[in-house]
Amino acid sequence: MKIRILSIGTRQPAWVTAGYDAYAKRLPKDTRLILEEIPSRSRRGADAARCVIEEGEALLARVKPDERVIVLDEGGRPLTSQGLGAELDRWRRDGRDVALLIGGADGLSAACLARAEWCWSLSSGTFPHGLVRVMVAEQIYRAWTLLTGHPYHRA
């Protein structure tokens, strides 16, 4: 199974890349985590709502027809680590690849939210998008360790 993180924004700080890579590289080949960056739309003098629509179009253009689409949004469903482990197990048994969508500075478009099978919230707070990438990679790795009995998770 491939889990693709489709994220608005490029040129992240080195700590974001290092943090993401640290967890993505730990996953086995049968549970690959792949980051695909999509350039954000310029906000200089632009209408923020129009930028969100354009970013949403760019995200959805990268989604494959048979992928399970999950959006990350503060209004989504929070999951415990065990809950995400159960979701990861469901995704693996389902046999479809997964696309996780992370919006830009002003969030996700209505079209992205409508295309999603469900919406995942990491927290009721708001985080920088680079940090979200690291957190998602760590949570997916943690979920995998729960499924495989690896000692990483110690709750």
C-alpha atoms as a PDB file:
ATOM      1  CA  MET A   1       0.000   0.000   0.000  1.00  0.00           C
ATOM      2  CA  LYS A   2       1.137   3.506  -0.803  1.00  0.00           C
ATOM      3  CA  ILE A   3       0.160   6.452   1.345  1.00  0.00           C
ATOM      4  CA  ARG A   4       0.757   9.680  -0.530  1.00  0.00           C
ATOM      5  CA  ILE A   5       0.805  12.952   1.348  1.00  0.00           C
ATOM      6  CA  LEU A   6      -0.226  15.645  -1.117  1.00  0.00           C
ATOM      7  CA  SER A   7       0.739  18.905   0.536  1.00  0.00           C
ATOM      8  CA  ILE A   8       0.541  22.513  -0.542  1.00  0.00           C
ATOM      9  CA  GLY A   9       3.853  24.286  -0.086  1.00  0.00           C
ATOM     10  CA  THR A  10       7.446  23.772  -1.111  1.00  0.00           C
ATOM     11  CA  ARG A  11      10.816  24.849   0.288  1.00  0.00           C
ATOM     12  CA  GLN A  12      10.286  23.656   3.835  1.00  0.00           C
ATOM     13  CA  PRO A  13      12.987  24.169   6.467  1.00  0.00           C
ATOM     14  CA  ALA A  14      15.607  21.425   6.756  1.00  0.00           C
ATOM     15  CA  TRP A  15      14.175  20.263  10.110  1.00  0.00           C
ATOM     16  CA  VAL A  16      10.828  19.503   8.417  1.00  0.00           C
ATOM     17  CA  THR A  17      12.486  17.365   5.751  1.00  0.00           C
ATOM     18  CA  ALA A  18      14.670  15.610   8.331  1.00  0.00           C
ATOM     19  CA  GLY A  19      11.729  14.950  10.662  1.00  0.00           C
ATOM     20  CA  TYR A  20       9.497  13.641   7.890  1.00  0.00           C
ATOM     21  CA  ASP A  21      12.261  11.444   6.457  1.00  0.00           C
ATOM     22  CA  ALA A  22      13.113  10.008   9.877  1.00  0.00           C
ATOM     23  CA  TYR A  23       9.671   8.388  10.120  1.00  0.00           C
ATOM     24  CA  ALA A  24       8.904   7.714   6.448  1.00  0.00           C
ATOM     25  CA  LYS A  25      12.144   5.733   6.046  1.00  0.00           C
ATOM     26  CA  ARG A  26      11.264   3.465   8.981  1.00  0.00           C
ATOM     27  CA  LEU A  27       8.160   2.097   7.289  1.00  0.00           C
ATOM     28  CA  PRO A  28       8.456  -1.154   5.320  1.00  0.00           C
ATOM     29  CA  LYS A  29       8.110  -1.306   1.559  1.00  0.00           C
ATOM     30  CA  ASP A  30       4.587  -2.707   1.825  1.00  0.00           C
ATOM     31  CA  THR A  31       3.478   0.484   3.642  1.00  0.00           C
ATOM     32  CA  ARG A  32       5.238   3.249   1.731  1.00  0.00           C
ATOM     33  CA  LEU A  33       4.800   6.888   2.711  1.00  0.00           C
ATOM     34  CA  ILE A  34       5.434   9.318  -0.134  1.00  0.00           C
ATOM     35  CA  LEU A  35       5.394  13.111   0.090  1.00  0.00           C
ATOM     36  CA  GLU A  36       4.368  15.120  -2.965  1.00  0.00           C
ATOM     37  CA  GLU A  37       4.667  18.877  -2.669  1.00  0.00           C
ATOM     38  CA  ILE A  38       2.427  21.196  -4.649  1.00  0.00           C
ATOM     39  CA  PRO A  39       3.380  24.863  -4.985  1.00  0.00           C
ATOM     40  CA  SER A  40       1.160  27.289  -3.113  1.00  0.00           C
ATOM     41  CA  ARG A  41      -0.586  30.060  -4.988  1.00  0.00           C
ATOM     42  CA  SER A  42       0.763  33.561  -4.560  1.00  0.00           C
ATOM     43  CA  ARG A  43      -1.055  35.530  -1.901  1.00  0.00           C
ATOM     44  CA  ARG A  44       0.390  38.933  -2.844  1.00  0.00           C
ATOM     45  CA  GLY A  45      -2.667  40.982  -3.685  1.00  0.00           C
ATOM     46  CA  ALA A  46      -4.607  37.830  -4.550  1.00  0.00           C
ATOM     47  CA  ASP A  47      -7.991  36.887  -3.222  1.00  0.00           C
ATOM     48  CA  ALA A  48      -7.436  34.212  -0.529  1.00  0.00           C
ATOM     49  CA  ALA A  49     -10.652  32.389  -1.476  1.00  0.00           C
ATOM     50  CA  ARG A  50      -9.489  32.150  -5.105  1.00  0.00           C
ATOM     51  CA  CYS A  51      -6.098  30.807  -3.962  1.00  0.00           C
ATOM     52  CA  VAL A  52      -7.817  28.093  -1.899  1.00  0.00           C
ATOM     53  CA  ILE A  53      -9.888  27.058  -4.921  1.00  0.00           C
ATOM     54  CA  GLU A  54      -6.804  26.929  -7.173  1.00  0.00           C
ATOM     55  CA  GLU A  55      -4.808  24.952  -4.596  1.00  0.00           C
ATOM     56  CA  GLY A  56      -7.747  22.563  -4.230  1.00  0.00           C
ATOM     57  CA  GLU A  57      -7.821  22.036  -7.982  1.00  0.00           C
ATOM     58  CA  ALA A  58      -4.076  21.327  -7.949  1.00  0.00           C
ATOM     59  CA  LEU A  59      -4.471  18.815  -5.101  1.00  0.00           C
ATOM     60  CA  LEU A  60      -7.405  17.024  -6.715  1.00  0.00           C
ATOM     61  CA  ALA A  61      -5.605  16.862 -10.061  1.00  0.00           C
ATOM     62  CA  ARG A  62      -2.952  14.700  -8.345  1.00  0.00           C
ATOM     63  CA  VAL A  63      -5.456  12.294  -6.746  1.00  0.00           C
ATOM     64  CA  LYS A  64      -5.775   8.983  -8.559  1.00  0.00           C
ATOM     65  CA  PRO A  65      -9.337   7.801  -9.266  1.00  0.00           C
ATOM     66  CA  ASP A  66      -9.117   4.678  -7.096  1.00  0.00           C
ATOM     67  CA  GLU A  67      -7.357   6.253  -4.103  1.00  0.00           C
ATOM     68  CA  ARG A  68      -8.977   6.652  -0.703  1.00  0.00           C
ATOM     69  CA  VAL A  69      -8.904  10.413  -0.045  1.00  0.00           C
ATOM     70  CA  ILE A  70      -8.463  11.702   3.483  1.00  0.00           C
ATOM     71  CA  VAL A  71      -8.139  15.387   4.277  1.00  0.00           C
ATOM     72  CA  LEU A  72      -6.395  16.854   7.290  1.00  0.00           C
ATOM     73  CA  ASP A  73      -8.414  19.619   8.879  1.00  0.00           C
ATOM     74  CA  GLU A  74      -8.856  20.948  12.397  1.00  0.00           C
ATOM     75  CA  GLY A  75     -12.612  20.332  12.080  1.00  0.00           C
ATOM     76  CA  GLY A  76     -12.110  16.648  11.304  1.00  0.00           C
ATOM     77  CA  ARG A  77     -12.314  13.538  13.447  1.00  0.00           C
ATOM     78  CA  PRO A  78      -9.569  13.175  16.034  1.00  0.00           C
ATOM     79  CA  LEU A  79      -8.008   9.741  16.380  1.00  0.00           C
ATOM     80  CA  THR A  80      -6.047   8.118  19.153  1.00  0.00           C
ATOM     81  CA  SER A  81      -2.921   6.251  18.113  1.00  0.00           C
ATOM     82  CA  GLN A  82      -4.860   3.006  18.483  1.00  0.00           C
ATOM     83  CA  GLY A  83      -7.682   4.461  16.391  1.00  0.00           C
ATOM     84  CA  LEU A  84      -5.278   5.357  13.623  1.00  0.00           C
ATOM     85  CA  GLY A  85      -3.809   1.867  13.878  1.00  0.00           C
ATOM     86  CA  ALA A  86      -7.281   0.441  13.262  1.00  0.00           C
ATOM     87  CA  GLU A  87      -7.727   2.789  10.293  1.00  0.00           C
ATOM     88  CA  LEU A  88      -4.336   1.804   8.868  1.00  0.00           C
ATOM     89  CA  ASP A  89      -5.304  -1.853   9.187  1.00  0.00           C
ATOM     90  CA  ARG A  90      -8.582  -1.135   7.376  1.00  0.00           C
ATOM     91  CA  TRP A  91      -6.719   0.675   4.601  1.00  0.00           C
ATOM     92  CA  ARG A  92      -4.318  -2.222   4.179  1.00  0.00           C
ATOM     93  CA  ARG A  93      -7.122  -4.795   4.038  1.00  0.00           C
ATOM     94  CA  ASP A  94      -9.096  -2.646   1.602  1.00  0.00           C
ATOM     95  CA  GLY A  95      -6.232  -2.831  -0.907  1.00  0.00           C
ATOM     96  CA  ARG A  96      -6.508   0.759  -2.134  1.00  0.00           C
ATOM     97  CA  ASP A  97      -3.771   3.336  -1.903  1.00  0.00           C
ATOM     98  CA  VAL A  98      -4.383   6.437   0.200  1.00  0.00           C
ATOM     99  CA  ALA A  99      -4.024  10.147  -0.580  1.00  0.00           C
ATOM    100  CA  LEU A 100      -3.768  12.432   2.452  1.00  0.00           C
ATOM    101  CA  LEU A 101      -4.452  16.059   1.510  1.00  0.00           C
ATOM    102  CA  ILE A 102      -2.888  18.962   3.420  1.00  0.00           C
ATOM    103  CA  GLY A 103      -4.100  22.389   2.332  1.00  0.00           C
ATOM    104  CA  GLY A 104      -2.304  25.695   2.173  1.00  0.00           C
ATOM    105  CA  ALA A 105      -2.239  28.604   4.593  1.00  0.00           C
ATOM    106  CA  ASP A 106      -5.969  29.260   4.202  1.00  0.00           C
ATOM    107  CA  GLY A 107      -7.088  25.629   4.360  1.00  0.00           C
ATOM    108  CA  LEU A 108      -8.707  23.228   1.939  1.00  0.00           C
ATOM    109  CA  SER A 109     -11.274  23.975  -0.732  1.00  0.00           C
ATOM    110  CA  ALA A 110     -14.865  22.816  -0.509  1.00  0.00           C
ATOM    111  CA  ALA A 111     -14.129  20.508  -3.464  1.00  0.00           C
ATOM    112  CA  CYS A 112     -11.347  18.754  -1.509  1.00  0.00           C
ATOM    113  CA  LEU A 113     -13.593  18.328   1.515  1.00  0.00           C
ATOM    114  CA  ALA A 114     -16.374  16.937  -0.702  1.00  0.00           C
ATOM    115  CA  ARG A 115     -14.011  14.436  -2.374  1.00  0.00           C
ATOM    116  CA  ALA A 116     -12.723  13.112   0.965  1.00  0.00           C
ATOM    117  CA  GLU A 117     -13.945   9.842   2.419  1.00  0.00           C
ATOM    118  CA  TRP A 118     -13.240  11.294   5.827  1.00  0.00           C
ATOM    119  CA  CYS A 119     -11.558  14.176   7.547  1.00  0.00           C
ATOM    120  CA  TRP A 120      -8.791  13.646  10.105  1.00  0.00           C
ATOM    121  CA  SER A 121      -7.896  16.180  12.776  1.00  0.00           C
ATOM    122  CA  LEU A 122      -4.511  16.033  14.453  1.00  0.00           C
ATOM    123  CA  SER A 123      -5.705  18.583  17.019  1.00  0.00           C
ATOM    124  CA  SER A 124      -8.236  21.325  17.548  1.00  0.00           C
ATOM    125  CA  GLY A 125      -5.288  23.711  17.272  1.00  0.00           C
ATOM    126  CA  THR A 126      -3.622  24.966  14.133  1.00  0.00           C
ATOM    127  CA  PHE A 127      -0.068  23.944  13.195  1.00  0.00           C
ATOM    128  CA  PRO A 128       2.427  25.080  10.572  1.00  0.00           C
ATOM    129  CA  HIS A 129       2.044  22.924   7.492  1.00  0.00           C
ATOM    130  CA  GLY A 130       5.620  21.665   7.680  1.00  0.00           C
ATOM    131  CA  LEU A 131       5.061  20.432  11.215  1.00  0.00           C
ATOM    132  CA  VAL A 132       1.873  18.664  10.097  1.00  0.00           C
ATOM    133  CA  ARG A 133       3.938  16.622   7.634  1.00  0.00           C
ATOM    134  CA  VAL A 134       6.230  15.473  10.423  1.00  0.00           C
ATOM    135  CA  MET A 135       3.312  14.728  12.750  1.00  0.00           C
ATOM    136  CA  VAL A 136       1.448  12.723  10.102  1.00  0.00           C
ATOM    137  CA  ALA A 137       4.561  10.678   9.276  1.00  0.00           C
ATOM    138  CA  GLU A 138       5.146   9.972  12.968  1.00  0.00           C
ATOM    139  CA  GLN A 139       1.519   9.009  13.581  1.00  0.00           C
ATOM    140  CA  ILE A 140       1.445   6.655  10.603  1.00  0.00           C
ATOM    141  CA  TYR A 141       4.697   5.082  11.763  1.00  0.00           C
ATOM    142  CA  ARG A 142       3.276   4.746  15.293  1.00  0.00           C
ATOM    143  CA  ALA A 143       0.089   3.155  13.900  1.00  0.00           C
ATOM    144  CA  TRP A 144       2.197   0.666  11.930  1.00  0.00           C
ATOM    145  CA  THR A 145       4.190  -0.216  15.066  1.00  0.00           C
ATOM    146  CA  LEU A 146       0.958  -0.872  16.945  1.00  0.00           C
ATOM    147  CA  LEU A 147      -0.209  -3.238  14.198  1.00  0.00           C
ATOM    148  CA  THR A 148       3.075  -5.125  14.084  1.00  0.00           C
ATOM    149  CA  GLY A 149       3.827  -5.324  17.794  1.00  0.00           C
ATOM    150  CA  HIS A 150       6.926  -3.146  17.491  1.00  0.00           C
ATOM    151  CA  PRO A 151       7.903  -1.644  20.881  1.00  0.00           C
ATOM    152  CA  TYR A 152       7.975   1.997  19.669  1.00  0.00           C
ATOM    153  CA  HIS A 153       4.548   2.808  21.146  1.00  0.00           C
ATOM    154  CA  ARG A 154       4.589   2.676  24.941  1.00  0.00           C
ATOM    155  CA  ALA A 155       1.229   3.867  26.203  1.00  0.00           C
END
